[in-house]
């Protein structure tokens, strides 16, 4: 595996991911869905910047990789959105389909970055690929939870709590 080929492929995947998330952001009617897609698109932009720097033999400093992970960032975005729950729009089949497609892309990206991390000789490059793989995995989890929420709204609170509600 030639590392420059991996990086170029990863850049294309990040561009595709960005374009997908921006399109999904424009298609969804739900305010919270728009926030989620916008945030995921921003992560794809940052990943692309890291990868383009790697092509120039510039590895990010460890401090650059210490930014909040996707799940933490989305929690703060939704908290900042406040009580606008009344603005929720019922999901469409297209929303669920978009999430499923995005999950497939995130899995593909995750696998690419995990393989790249295993084959990276330089510790800084390995750390970058591992970090991006972790972020891609969290993107998948966010999308999976969102899809589950749309498909199984009545079960959402039970799943989030980790099990059935017990009375006493």
Protein backbone atom coordinates (compact mmCIF):
# COMPACT_ATOMS: atom_id res chain seq x y z
CA UNK A 1 0.00 0.00 0.00
CA UNK A 2 1.58 3.28 -1.13
CA UNK A 3 0.74 5.92 1.47
CA UNK A 4 0.27 8.75 -1.06
CA UNK A 5 -2.31 6.64 -2.91
CA UNK A 6 -4.16 6.01 0.35
CA UNK A 7 -4.11 9.72 1.19
CA UNK A 8 -5.39 10.70 -2.26
CA UNK A 9 -8.21 8.15 -2.00
CA UNK A 10 -9.03 9.42 1.48
CA UNK A 11 -9.17 13.01 0.23
CA UNK A 12 -11.67 12.00 -2.46
CA UNK A 13 -13.74 10.18 0.16
CA UNK A 14 -13.74 13.24 2.42
CA UNK A 15 -14.81 15.45 -0.50
CA UNK A 16 -17.59 13.01 -1.33
CA UNK A 17 -18.62 12.92 2.33
CA UNK A 18 -18.69 16.71 2.52
CA UNK A 19 -20.80 16.97 -0.64
CA UNK A 20 -23.17 14.27 0.62
CA UNK A 21 -23.66 15.91 4.03
CA UNK A 22 -24.21 19.36 2.52
CA UNK A 23 -26.79 17.93 0.13
CA UNK A 24 -28.50 16.03 2.96
CA UNK A 25 -28.47 19.21 5.05
CA UNK A 26 -30.31 21.00 2.25
CA UNK A 27 -32.83 18.19 1.78
CA UNK A 28 -33.86 17.53 5.35
CA UNK A 29 -36.65 19.68 6.76
CA UNK A 30 -35.73 19.01 10.39
CA UNK A 31 -33.69 21.72 12.14
CA UNK A 32 -31.79 19.18 14.23
CA UNK A 33 -31.07 17.05 11.17
CA UNK A 34 -29.62 20.12 9.46
CA UNK A 35 -27.37 20.76 12.47
CA UNK A 36 -26.15 17.16 12.47
CA UNK A 37 -25.37 17.11 8.74
CA UNK A 38 -23.67 20.51 8.92
CA UNK A 39 -21.46 19.36 11.77
CA UNK A 40 -20.52 16.14 9.97
CA UNK A 41 -19.65 18.17 6.85
CA UNK A 42 -17.31 20.35 8.94
CA UNK A 43 -15.49 17.24 10.17
CA UNK A 44 -14.99 16.11 6.56
CA UNK A 45 -13.42 19.50 5.74
CA UNK A 46 -11.03 19.18 8.67
CA UNK A 47 -10.09 15.63 7.67
CA UNK A 48 -9.33 16.83 4.14
CA UNK A 49 -7.07 19.60 5.50
CA UNK A 50 -5.11 17.07 7.57
CA UNK A 51 -4.74 14.77 4.57
CA UNK A 52 -3.64 17.54 2.20
CA UNK A 53 -1.03 18.57 4.76
CA UNK A 54 0.22 14.97 4.91
CA UNK A 55 0.78 15.06 1.15
CA UNK A 56 3.11 17.99 1.84
CA UNK A 57 4.85 15.99 4.60
CA UNK A 58 3.26 18.13 7.30
CA UNK A 59 1.76 16.19 10.19
CA UNK A 60 -0.62 17.91 12.59
CA UNK A 61 0.55 18.70 16.08
CA UNK A 62 -0.92 16.57 18.83
CA UNK A 63 -2.76 19.63 20.15
CA UNK A 64 -4.62 19.94 16.83
CA UNK A 65 -6.03 16.45 17.33
CA UNK A 66 -7.33 17.25 20.80
CA UNK A 67 -10.48 18.96 19.55
CA UNK A 68 -13.81 17.54 20.73
CA UNK A 69 -14.86 14.25 19.17
CA UNK A 70 -18.00 14.23 17.01
CA UNK A 71 -20.34 12.90 19.69
CA UNK A 72 -19.22 15.54 22.19
CA UNK A 73 -19.51 18.29 19.61
CA UNK A 74 -23.01 17.27 18.53
CA UNK A 75 -24.18 17.11 22.14
CA UNK A 76 -23.15 20.73 22.59
CA UNK A 77 -24.76 21.77 19.29
CA UNK A 78 -28.07 20.21 20.26
CA UNK A 79 -27.87 21.66 23.77
CA UNK A 80 -27.30 25.11 22.26
CA UNK A 81 -30.36 24.61 20.05
CA UNK A 82 -32.36 24.68 23.25
CA UNK A 83 -36.02 23.91 23.45
CA UNK A 84 -36.85 24.15 19.76
CA UNK A 85 -38.27 20.63 19.86
CA UNK A 86 -41.56 22.01 18.61
CA UNK A 87 -39.88 22.68 15.28
CA UNK A 88 -39.43 18.95 14.65
CA UNK A 89 -40.61 17.75 11.26
CA UNK A 90 -41.73 14.15 10.83
CA UNK A 91 -39.06 12.07 9.10
CA UNK A 92 -39.47 10.90 5.54
CA UNK A 93 -38.30 7.69 3.91
CA UNK A 94 -35.64 9.83 2.21
CA UNK A 95 -34.24 10.84 5.60
CA UNK A 96 -33.80 7.21 6.62
CA UNK A 97 -32.32 6.30 3.24
CA UNK A 98 -29.83 9.19 3.45
CA UNK A 99 -28.71 8.04 6.88
CA UNK A 100 -28.26 4.46 5.68
CA UNK A 101 -26.16 5.61 2.71
CA UNK A 102 -24.06 7.83 4.96
CA UNK A 103 -23.48 4.94 7.37
CA UNK A 104 -22.07 2.88 4.50
CA UNK A 105 -19.70 5.69 3.53
CA UNK A 106 -18.55 6.14 7.12
CA UNK A 107 -17.83 2.41 7.39
CA UNK A 108 -15.78 2.54 4.20
CA UNK A 109 -13.83 5.54 5.50
CA UNK A 110 -13.27 3.92 8.89
CA UNK A 111 -11.84 0.78 7.28
CA UNK A 112 -9.54 2.82 5.05
CA UNK A 113 -8.14 4.81 8.00
CA UNK A 114 -7.71 1.74 10.21
CA UNK A 115 -5.74 -0.01 7.44
CA UNK A 116 -3.68 3.12 6.83
CA UNK A 117 -2.89 3.40 10.54
CA UNK A 118 -1.68 -0.21 10.62
CA UNK A 119 0.67 0.39 7.69
CA UNK A 120 1.92 3.86 8.72
CA UNK A 121 5.59 3.86 9.67
CA UNK A 122 5.70 7.29 11.33
CA UNK A 123 4.07 7.56 14.77
CA UNK A 124 2.52 10.99 14.03
CA UNK A 125 0.96 9.76 10.79
CA UNK A 126 -0.29 6.62 12.55
CA UNK A 127 -1.83 8.78 15.30
CA UNK A 128 -3.58 10.97 12.73
CA UNK A 129 -5.08 8.00 10.90
CA UNK A 130 -6.19 6.45 14.21
CA UNK A 131 -7.83 9.73 15.26
CA UNK A 132 -9.68 10.13 11.96
CA UNK A 133 -10.77 6.47 12.14
CA UNK A 134 -12.17 7.13 15.62
CA UNK A 135 -14.04 10.18 14.34
CA UNK A 136 -15.43 8.24 11.37
CA UNK A 137 -16.62 5.52 13.75
CA UNK A 138 -18.38 8.10 15.88
CA UNK A 139 -19.97 9.58 12.74
CA UNK A 140 -21.34 6.10 12.03
CA UNK A 141 -22.69 5.80 15.57
CA UNK A 142 -24.36 9.22 15.37
CA UNK A 143 -25.98 8.31 12.07
CA UNK A 144 -27.03 4.91 13.39
CA UNK A 145 -28.64 6.42 16.47
CA UNK A 146 -30.40 9.04 14.37
CA UNK A 147 -31.71 6.40 11.98
CA UNK A 148 -32.88 4.28 14.89
CA UNK A 149 -34.59 7.31 16.38
CA UNK A 150 -36.45 7.99 13.13
CA UNK A 151 -37.45 4.35 12.67
CA UNK A 152 -38.24 3.50 16.28
CA UNK A 153 -39.18 6.75 17.99
CA UNK A 154 -41.18 5.03 20.72
CA UNK A 155 -38.19 2.90 21.73
CA UNK A 156 -35.66 5.74 21.69
CA UNK A 157 -35.71 6.56 25.41
CA UNK A 158 -35.43 2.89 26.36
CA UNK A 159 -32.39 2.40 24.07
CA UNK A 160 -30.67 5.55 25.32
CA UNK A 161 -31.13 4.43 28.92
CA UNK A 162 -29.54 1.08 28.14
CA UNK A 163 -32.51 -1.14 28.91
CA UNK A 164 -36.16 -1.35 29.82
CA UNK A 165 -37.62 1.09 32.26
CA UNK A 166 -38.09 -0.51 35.65
CA UNK A 167 -40.87 0.52 38.00
CA UNK A 168 -40.58 0.31 41.70
